């Protein structure tokens, strides 16, 4: 690939046989993270000397390395926001063709999403999310350039699809929420087949998204608020709590005999995720 790709073939009856188009190829990885109880997205500022603006972190893929080249590019892009040891999980988001004003060739964006370990803060301390300069709350995104917004939308929809797909989420959320339509991007892009063969079947089910986003142990309220921020809608607290305790009975989440400390509200009980029990639960 080495930064340029060519699309050949037809896209309809009116397309010319053998027509081709050159693209500038870039791998983007959007990093999601909970920072001081806010669900945030990693959008660093542009390089010094340019106008102050948020950008989607990117890296050039190396064609010679095959699939590892794309995986390495995704990790490198994410590392422009957080260090490698802070990355919990990376997933493929999709492919977007973005027309950039003034550029000679359109941009072929290979989009991934990543989860970084959460950042908590001591009770009573005053520090804004923006103080961690790379991360912006999803609820307060600034005006973004069309290219960055397109990459972010692609990554977020794939990230949300992964969230709604795991077995624990399907037990926790009401049916009308689970039927939310998103762009999963699986098989929807003419470039997907060029990025490698079919992914191999996982030997065990993926862990729920919250495992990387929330601290361990975590209170029930943090899990509920995470889903509410992802979905942009409130959840019924009574139903959520009832479903949560049914899941505890099946083992993948365990209640601990400890409670929150230093919180301005009634201290909630803390829970932990049980990885060995997860495989049995998800296989159901």
Protein backbone atom coordinates (compact mmCIF):
# COMPACT_ATOMS: atom_id res chain seq x y z
CA UNK A 1 0.00 0.00 0.00
CA UNK A 2 2.71 2.45 1.11
CA UNK A 3 0.35 5.39 1.33
CA UNK A 4 -1.40 4.95 -2.05
CA UNK A 5 -4.14 2.58 -3.17
CA UNK A 6 -5.90 2.03 -6.47
CA UNK A 7 -9.53 0.96 -6.81
CA UNK A 8 -10.20 -0.97 -9.99
CA UNK A 9 -13.36 -2.49 -11.40
CA UNK A 10 -16.98 -1.41 -11.82
CA UNK A 11 -19.49 0.20 -9.50
CA UNK A 12 -22.66 -0.09 -11.54
CA UNK A 13 -23.75 -0.47 -15.14
CA UNK A 14 -22.50 2.98 -16.09
CA UNK A 15 -18.97 2.36 -14.80
CA UNK A 16 -16.21 1.94 -17.33
CA UNK A 17 -14.41 -1.39 -17.41
CA UNK A 18 -10.92 -1.03 -16.06
CA UNK A 19 -11.51 2.43 -14.58
CA UNK A 20 -9.21 3.14 -11.65
CA UNK A 21 -8.75 5.77 -8.97
CA UNK A 22 -5.78 6.60 -6.78
CA UNK A 23 -6.14 7.24 -3.04
CA UNK A 24 -3.89 8.50 -0.30
CA UNK A 25 -4.13 5.78 2.39
CA UNK A 26 -4.07 6.50 6.12
CA UNK A 27 -4.92 4.37 9.16
CA UNK A 28 -6.86 6.19 11.89
CA UNK A 29 -7.50 4.92 15.41
CA UNK A 30 -9.99 6.70 17.66
CA UNK A 31 -9.30 6.07 21.35
CA UNK A 32 -12.21 5.96 23.82
CA UNK A 33 -11.60 6.37 27.52
CA UNK A 34 -13.46 7.18 30.72
CA UNK A 35 -11.74 10.20 32.25
CA UNK A 36 -13.02 11.28 35.67
CA UNK A 37 -16.39 9.60 35.05
CA UNK A 38 -16.80 11.18 31.59
CA UNK A 39 -16.84 9.06 28.42
CA UNK A 40 -14.23 10.78 26.26
CA UNK A 41 -12.60 10.51 22.87
CA UNK A 42 -8.90 11.04 22.18
CA UNK A 43 -8.52 13.89 19.69
CA UNK A 44 -5.11 15.55 20.04
CA UNK A 45 -4.37 19.02 18.74
CA UNK A 46 -2.75 19.47 15.33
CA UNK A 47 1.02 19.81 15.18
CA UNK A 48 2.55 23.12 16.33
CA UNK A 49 2.67 25.82 13.69
CA UNK A 50 -0.81 25.07 12.36
CA UNK A 51 -4.17 26.41 13.41
CA UNK A 52 -5.39 25.04 16.74
CA UNK A 53 -7.74 22.21 15.82
CA UNK A 54 -8.60 18.69 16.90
CA UNK A 55 -7.52 15.87 14.59
CA UNK A 56 -8.05 12.12 14.32
CA UNK A 57 -4.73 10.38 15.13
CA UNK A 58 -3.33 8.60 12.08
CA UNK A 59 -0.42 6.53 10.79
CA UNK A 60 0.66 5.20 7.40
CA UNK A 61 0.14 1.44 6.91
CA UNK A 62 2.95 -0.68 5.50
CA UNK A 63 1.78 -2.94 2.69
CA UNK A 64 4.84 -5.15 2.91
CA UNK A 65 3.80 -6.36 6.36
CA UNK A 66 0.37 -7.56 5.17
CA UNK A 67 -2.31 -7.61 7.85
CA UNK A 68 0.31 -6.92 10.51
CA UNK A 69 1.00 -3.64 8.74
CA UNK A 70 -2.58 -2.47 9.30
CA UNK A 71 -2.55 -3.71 12.89
CA UNK A 72 0.75 -1.96 13.53
CA UNK A 73 -0.59 1.25 11.98
CA UNK A 74 -3.66 1.10 14.24
CA UNK A 75 -1.46 0.71 17.32
CA UNK A 76 0.85 3.50 16.19
CA UNK A 77 -2.06 5.88 15.63
CA UNK A 78 -3.48 5.07 19.07
CA UNK A 79 -0.05 5.63 20.63
CA UNK A 80 -0.22 9.25 19.51
CA UNK A 81 -2.93 9.70 22.13
CA UNK A 82 -1.93 7.26 24.90
CA UNK A 83 1.02 4.97 25.60
CA UNK A 84 0.87 1.37 24.38
CA UNK A 85 0.57 -0.06 27.90
CA UNK A 86 -2.66 1.91 28.42
CA UNK A 87 -4.44 0.32 25.45
CA UNK A 88 -6.83 -2.42 26.52
CA UNK A 89 -8.38 -3.37 23.20
CA UNK A 90 -8.34 -2.39 19.51
CA UNK A 91 -11.08 -3.25 17.00
CA UNK A 92 -11.61 -2.65 13.28
CA UNK A 93 -14.13 0.10 12.52
CA UNK A 94 -14.44 0.25 8.74
CA UNK A 95 -13.24 2.15 5.71
CA UNK A 96 -14.14 5.65 4.61
CA UNK A 97 -13.31 7.58 1.44
CA UNK A 98 -12.95 11.25 2.35
CA UNK A 99 -12.62 14.07 -0.15
CA UNK A 100 -10.14 16.62 1.20
CA UNK A 101 -10.32 20.14 -0.24
CA UNK A 102 -7.10 21.07 -2.03
CA UNK A 103 -5.71 17.54 -1.97
CA UNK A 104 -4.78 15.85 -5.21
CA UNK A 105 -6.28 12.48 -4.26
CA UNK A 106 -9.12 11.54 -1.91
CA UNK A 107 -8.20 9.97 1.42
CA UNK A 108 -8.86 6.30 1.99
CA UNK A 109 -9.25 6.08 5.77
CA UNK A 110 -8.88 2.66 7.40
CA UNK A 111 -10.59 3.28 10.73
CA UNK A 112 -10.09 1.44 14.02
CA UNK A 113 -11.28 2.09 17.56
CA UNK A 114 -9.40 1.47 20.78
CA UNK A 115 -10.13 1.44 24.51
CA UNK A 116 -7.67 2.95 26.98
CA UNK A 117 -7.57 2.32 30.71
CA UNK A 118 -9.81 4.69 32.70
CA UNK A 119 -8.51 7.70 34.61
CA UNK A 120 -10.01 8.36 38.01
CA UNK A 121 -9.43 11.29 40.34
CA UNK A 122 -9.47 11.61 44.11
CA UNK A 123 -12.70 12.82 45.67
CA UNK A 124 -12.76 16.57 46.17
CA UNK A 125 -10.01 17.31 43.64
CA UNK A 126 -10.84 19.84 40.95
CA UNK A 127 -9.53 19.07 37.49
CA UNK A 128 -11.28 19.28 34.14
CA UNK A 129 -11.21 16.58 31.49
CA UNK A 130 -9.63 19.11 29.13
CA UNK A 131 -6.65 19.29 31.50
CA UNK A 132 -5.76 15.89 30.05
CA UNK A 133 -5.28 17.71 26.78
CA UNK A 134 -5.92 14.81 24.39
CA UNK A 135 -9.34 13.78 25.70
CA UNK A 136 -12.65 15.51 25.04
CA UNK A 137 -16.01 14.41 26.51
CA UNK A 138 -18.33 12.98 23.87
CA UNK A 139 -21.07 15.13 25.40
CA UNK A 140 -19.10 18.31 24.70
CA UNK A 141 -17.33 17.79 21.39
CA UNK A 142 -16.14 21.00 19.70
CA UNK A 143 -16.79 21.79 16.05
CA UNK A 144 -14.68 19.36 14.04
CA UNK A 145 -13.49 19.37 10.47
CA UNK A 146 -15.55 17.11 8.16
CA UNK A 147 -12.70 14.59 7.78
CA UNK A 148 -12.23 14.17 11.54
CA UNK A 149 -15.98 13.99 12.11
CA UNK A 150 -16.36 11.27 9.45
CA UNK A 151 -13.59 9.15 11.00
CA UNK A 152 -14.99 9.65 14.51
CA UNK A 153 -18.52 8.69 13.40
CA UNK A 154 -17.20 5.53 11.73
CA UNK A 155 -15.22 4.51 14.82
CA UNK A 156 -18.01 5.32 17.27
CA UNK A 157 -20.66 3.33 15.42
CA UNK A 158 -18.39 0.28 15.25
CA UNK A 159 -17.49 0.74 18.93
CA UNK A 160 -21.18 0.93 19.83
CA UNK A 161 -21.97 -2.12 17.70
CA UNK A 162 -19.33 -4.08 19.63
CA UNK A 163 -20.87 -2.89 22.90
CA UNK A 164 -24.39 -3.94 21.95
CA UNK A 165 -23.18 -7.33 20.69
CA UNK A 166 -21.71 -8.82 23.85
CA UNK A 167 -23.72 -11.30 25.90
CA UNK A 168 -23.73 -9.22 29.07
CA UNK A 169 -25.11 -6.12 27.34
CA UNK A 170 -27.85 -8.19 25.70
CA UNK A 171 -28.98 -9.27 29.17
CA UNK A 172 -28.77 -5.80 30.72
CA UNK A 173 -30.43 -3.54 28.16
CA UNK A 174 -34.08 -3.52 27.08
CA UNK A 175 -34.96 -4.98 23.70
CA UNK A 176 -35.85 -1.68 22.03
CA UNK A 177 -32.34 -0.39 22.85
CA UNK A 178 -30.64 -3.48 21.48
CA UNK A 179 -32.48 -3.09 18.18
CA UNK A 180 -30.84 0.30 17.66
CA UNK A 181 -29.70 0.48 14.03
CA UNK A 182 -26.03 1.29 13.56
CA UNK A 183 -23.59 1.05 10.68
CA UNK A 184 -21.56 -2.02 11.47
CA UNK A 185 -19.53 -1.65 8.26
CA UNK A 186 -19.12 -5.40 7.93
CA UNK A 187 -19.11 -6.13 4.21
CA UNK A 188 -20.46 -2.67 3.37
CA UNK A 189 -17.29 -1.28 1.85
CA UNK A 190 -15.78 -2.31 -1.51
CA UNK A 191 -12.37 -2.09 0.17
CA UNK A 192 -13.04 -4.55 3.00
CA UNK A 193 -12.07 -7.62 0.96
CA UNK A 194 -8.74 -6.01 0.05
CA UNK A 195 -7.74 -5.68 3.70
CA UNK A 196 -7.24 -9.40 4.27
CA UNK A 197 -9.17 -12.64 4.53
CA UNK A 198 -12.07 -13.41 6.79
CA UNK A 199 -11.16 -12.95 10.47
CA UNK A 200 -10.54 -16.21 12.27
CA UNK A 201 -13.15 -17.31 14.78
CA UNK A 202 -12.19 -16.26 18.30
CA UNK A 203 -11.23 -19.10 20.61
CA UNK A 204 -13.27 -17.45 23.37
CA UNK A 205 -15.87 -14.66 23.38
CA UNK A 206 -14.68 -11.06 23.50
CA UNK A 207 -14.85 -9.44 26.90
CA UNK A 208 -17.59 -6.86 27.45
CA UNK A 209 -16.58 -3.32 26.50
CA UNK A 210 -16.98 -1.99 30.04
CA UNK A 211 -14.17 -4.23 31.30
CA UNK A 212 -11.65 -1.90 29.69
CA UNK A 213 -13.50 1.35 30.33
CA UNK A 214 -14.36 1.08 34.03
CA UNK A 215 -11.98 0.61 36.97
CA UNK A 216 -11.98 -2.71 38.81
CA UNK A 217 -13.84 -2.93 41.10
CA UNK A 218 -16.70 -0.67 39.97
CA UNK A 219 -20.07 0.49 41.38
CA UNK A 220 -23.32 -0.33 39.59
CA UNK A 221 -24.00 3.37 39.00
CA UNK A 222 -20.81 3.71 36.92
CA UNK A 223 -21.87 0.85 34.63
CA UNK A 224 -25.36 2.31 34.15
CA UNK A 225 -24.00 5.80 33.44
CA UNK A 226 -21.54 4.36 30.91
CA UNK A 227 -24.39 2.78 28.93
CA UNK A 228 -26.44 5.98 29.18
CA UNK A 229 -23.58 8.05 27.78
CA UNK A 230 -22.97 5.57 24.98
CA UNK A 231 -26.64 5.48 24.01
CA UNK A 232 -27.43 9.12 24.70
CA UNK A 233 -30.57 8.16 26.64
CA UNK A 234 -31.51 7.36 30.26
CA UNK A 235 -32.14 3.79 31.41
CA UNK A 236 -34.74 2.71 33.94
CA UNK A 237 -32.74 2.29 37.15
CA UNK A 238 -35.01 -0.37 38.67
CA UNK A 239 -34.99 -2.61 35.61
CA UNK A 240 -31.25 -2.15 35.14
CA UNK A 241 -30.54 -3.12 38.75
CA UNK A 242 -32.84 -6.15 38.53
CA UNK A 243 -31.18 -7.44 35.35
CA UNK A 244 -27.75 -6.77 36.83
CA UNK A 245 -28.44 -8.91 39.89
CA UNK A 246 -29.76 -11.73 37.69
CA UNK A 247 -26.39 -11.68 35.90
CA UNK A 248 -24.59 -11.88 39.26
CA UNK A 249 -26.48 -15.11 39.92
CA UNK A 250 -24.92 -16.57 36.74
CA UNK A 251 -21.35 -15.73 37.77
CA UNK A 252 -19.63 -13.30 35.34
CA UNK A 253 -19.97 -10.42 37.81
CA UNK A 254 -19.31 -10.87 41.51
CA UNK A 255 -20.45 -8.65 44.38
CA UNK A 256 -17.70 -7.65 46.80
CA UNK A 257 -18.12 -6.95 50.53
CA UNK A 258 -16.75 -3.41 50.08
CA UNK A 259 -18.31 -0.05 49.23
CA UNK A 260 -17.30 3.23 47.60
CA UNK A 261 -15.38 5.74 49.70
CA UNK A 262 -15.22 9.52 49.62
CA UNK A 263 -18.24 9.98 47.35
CA UNK A 264 -20.75 12.85 47.83
CA UNK A 265 -23.69 10.43 47.63
CA UNK A 266 -24.69 7.21 49.32
CA UNK A 267 -21.81 4.76 48.97
CA UNK A 268 -22.56 2.01 46.49
CA UNK A 269 -21.43 -1.59 46.70
CA UNK A 270 -18.51 -2.53 44.47
CA UNK A 271 -18.43 -5.35 41.91
CA UNK A 272 -15.77 -7.14 39.89
CA UNK A 273 -15.74 -8.99 36.57
CA UNK A 274 -14.98 -12.73 36.74
CA UNK A 275 -13.14 -13.73 33.55
CA UNK A 276 -13.26 -17.53 34.05
CA UNK A 277 -17.03 -17.40 34.55
CA UNK A 278 -17.47 -15.15 31.50
CA UNK A 279 -16.82 -17.86 28.92
CA UNK A 280 -19.49 -20.11 30.45
CA UNK A 281 -21.97 -17.22 30.61
CA UNK A 282 -21.36 -16.02 27.06
CA UNK A 283 -21.66 -19.53 25.60
CA UNK A 284 -25.29 -19.61 26.71
